[in-house]
Protein backbone atom coordinates (compact mmCIF):
# COMPACT_ATOMS: atom_id res chain seq x y z
CA MET A 1 -5.40 8.00 -31.55
CA ALA A 2 -7.03 11.10 -30.14
CA SER A 3 -5.00 14.27 -30.52
CA GLU A 4 -4.71 14.65 -26.72
CA GLU A 5 -3.20 11.16 -26.50
CA HIS A 6 -0.89 11.90 -29.43
CA SER A 7 0.37 15.03 -27.67
CA ILE A 8 0.99 13.10 -24.43
CA GLN A 9 2.73 10.35 -26.39
CA LYS A 10 5.16 12.76 -28.04
CA LYS A 11 6.01 14.36 -24.67
CA ILE A 12 6.61 10.92 -23.15
CA GLN A 13 8.91 9.92 -26.03
CA VAL A 14 11.01 13.05 -25.55
CA ALA A 15 11.13 12.70 -21.75
CA LEU A 16 12.14 9.02 -21.82
CA SER A 17 14.77 9.70 -24.49
CA GLN A 18 16.25 12.38 -22.24
CA HIS A 19 16.02 9.95 -19.31
CA LYS A 20 18.57 7.48 -20.71
CA CYS A 21 16.04 5.23 -22.40
CA SER A 22 15.51 4.18 -25.97
CA VAL A 23 11.83 4.39 -26.87
CA PHE A 24 9.94 3.39 -29.99
CA ARG A 25 6.44 4.20 -31.21
CA THR A 26 4.39 1.33 -32.59
CA ASN A 27 1.82 1.46 -35.34
CA VAL A 28 -0.74 -1.31 -35.03
CA GLY A 29 -3.49 -2.10 -37.46
CA LYS A 30 -4.43 -2.97 -41.01
CA VAL A 31 -4.61 -0.75 -44.05
CA GLN A 32 -5.68 -1.45 -47.58
CA THR A 33 -3.00 -0.87 -50.21
CA ILE A 34 -3.65 0.91 -53.48
CA ASP A 35 -3.99 -2.48 -55.20
CA HIS A 36 -6.68 -3.49 -52.64
CA ARG A 37 -4.54 -5.93 -50.64
CA TRP A 38 -4.63 -5.74 -46.85
CA PHE A 39 -1.39 -4.96 -45.04
CA ASP A 40 -1.08 -5.89 -41.35
CA THR A 41 1.70 -4.36 -39.22
CA GLY A 42 2.47 -7.78 -37.80
CA LEU A 43 2.36 -6.67 -34.17
CA PRO A 44 -0.01 -8.50 -31.84
CA GLN A 45 -3.48 -7.06 -31.34
CA GLY A 46 -3.48 -4.78 -28.32
CA HIS A 47 0.25 -4.01 -28.53
CA PHE A 48 0.95 -0.83 -26.58
CA ASP A 49 1.79 2.55 -28.11
CA LEU A 50 5.39 2.72 -26.91
CA TYR A 51 8.09 0.26 -25.98
CA GLY A 52 11.76 0.55 -25.23
CA PHE A 53 14.53 -0.19 -22.79
CA ARG A 54 16.49 1.50 -20.02
CA TRP A 55 20.15 2.04 -20.83
CA VAL A 56 21.27 1.42 -17.25
CA ASP A 57 20.18 -2.25 -17.19
CA ASN A 58 18.59 -2.94 -20.60
CA GLN A 59 15.22 -3.69 -18.98
CA VAL A 60 12.39 -3.60 -21.52
CA PHE A 61 9.22 -1.59 -20.87
CA TYR A 62 5.86 -1.06 -22.60
CA ILE A 63 3.62 1.98 -22.22
CA GLU A 64 0.00 2.41 -23.29
CA VAL A 65 -0.79 6.12 -23.60
CA LYS A 66 -4.28 7.26 -22.61
CA SER A 67 -5.98 10.59 -21.99
CA LYS A 68 -7.30 11.34 -18.50
CA THR A 69 -10.55 9.51 -19.33
CA GLY A 70 -9.25 6.94 -21.84
CA LYS A 71 -9.82 3.26 -21.12
CA PRO A 72 -7.91 0.24 -22.41
CA ARG A 73 -9.58 -1.97 -25.01
CA GLU A 74 -10.10 -5.68 -24.37
CA ASP A 75 -7.13 -6.60 -26.57
CA GLN A 76 -4.93 -4.17 -24.59
CA ILE A 77 -6.09 -5.77 -21.35
CA ARG A 78 -5.14 -9.18 -22.76
CA PHE A 79 -1.69 -7.83 -23.74
CA HIS A 80 -1.34 -6.42 -20.19
CA GLU A 81 -2.19 -9.84 -18.75
CA PHE A 82 0.44 -11.46 -20.96
CA LEU A 83 3.10 -8.92 -19.92
CA ALA A 84 2.12 -9.23 -16.25
CA SER A 85 2.40 -13.02 -16.41
CA HIS A 86 6.05 -12.54 -17.41
CA ASN A 87 6.69 -9.69 -14.93
CA VAL A 88 7.47 -7.22 -17.74
CA ILE A 89 7.56 -3.50 -16.88
CA HIS A 90 4.45 -1.85 -18.34
CA GLY A 91 1.47 0.32 -17.62
CA ILE A 92 -0.93 3.04 -18.69
CA ALA A 93 0.58 6.53 -18.80
CA ARG A 94 -1.68 9.56 -18.82
CA SER A 95 1.28 11.93 -18.38
CA VAL A 96 5.06 12.13 -18.58
CA GLN A 97 5.14 11.63 -14.81
CA ASP A 98 3.22 8.34 -15.12
CA ALA A 99 5.63 7.07 -17.78
CA LEU A 100 8.69 7.96 -15.68
CA MET A 101 7.09 6.32 -12.65
CA ILE A 102 6.49 3.09 -14.62
CA VAL A 103 10.01 2.98 -16.03
CA ASP A 104 11.94 4.15 -12.94
CA GLY A 105 9.87 2.08 -10.53
CA SER A 106 9.96 -1.09 -12.65
CA LEU A 107 6.18 -1.16 -12.25
CA VAL A 108 4.14 -4.00 -13.70
CA GLY A 109 0.62 -3.06 -14.74
CA LEU A 110 0.22 0.50 -13.44
CA GLY A 111 -3.26 1.76 -14.31
CA PHE A 112 -4.81 -1.63 -15.05
CA ASP A 113 -6.18 -2.23 -11.52
CA ASP A 114 -9.68 -1.09 -12.46
CA TYR A 115 -9.93 -3.43 -15.42
CA GLY A 116 -10.62 -7.16 -15.33
CA SER A 117 -7.68 -9.48 -15.16
CA ASP A 118 -7.36 -13.25 -15.05
CA LEU A 119 -4.23 -12.84 -12.92
CA ARG A 120 -5.96 -11.79 -9.70
């Protein structure tokens, strides 16, 4: 993850935690162990950077953190389509304000309008 995105992500985690939400950072990918075996995190390809739930109603949310110019990968678009098909709160956050808007507004798919979707 680019350092700008990492900085935004940390700010979002703090803000959501202070906003009566539990929020978790995900690590997705494969790494080779010292004995040359591959270890996979087990999360689906395209899983978003952050997920959590609101304390007030236990609604789950997912947030993909991007810089101002960052674009979602194909696997992230597929994950968005899956979440949207189940009406799950999620979106792309380029700032703390975006993340709060997604969570508080129960938004489904914020920021994905410009990217292809089978749901339209």
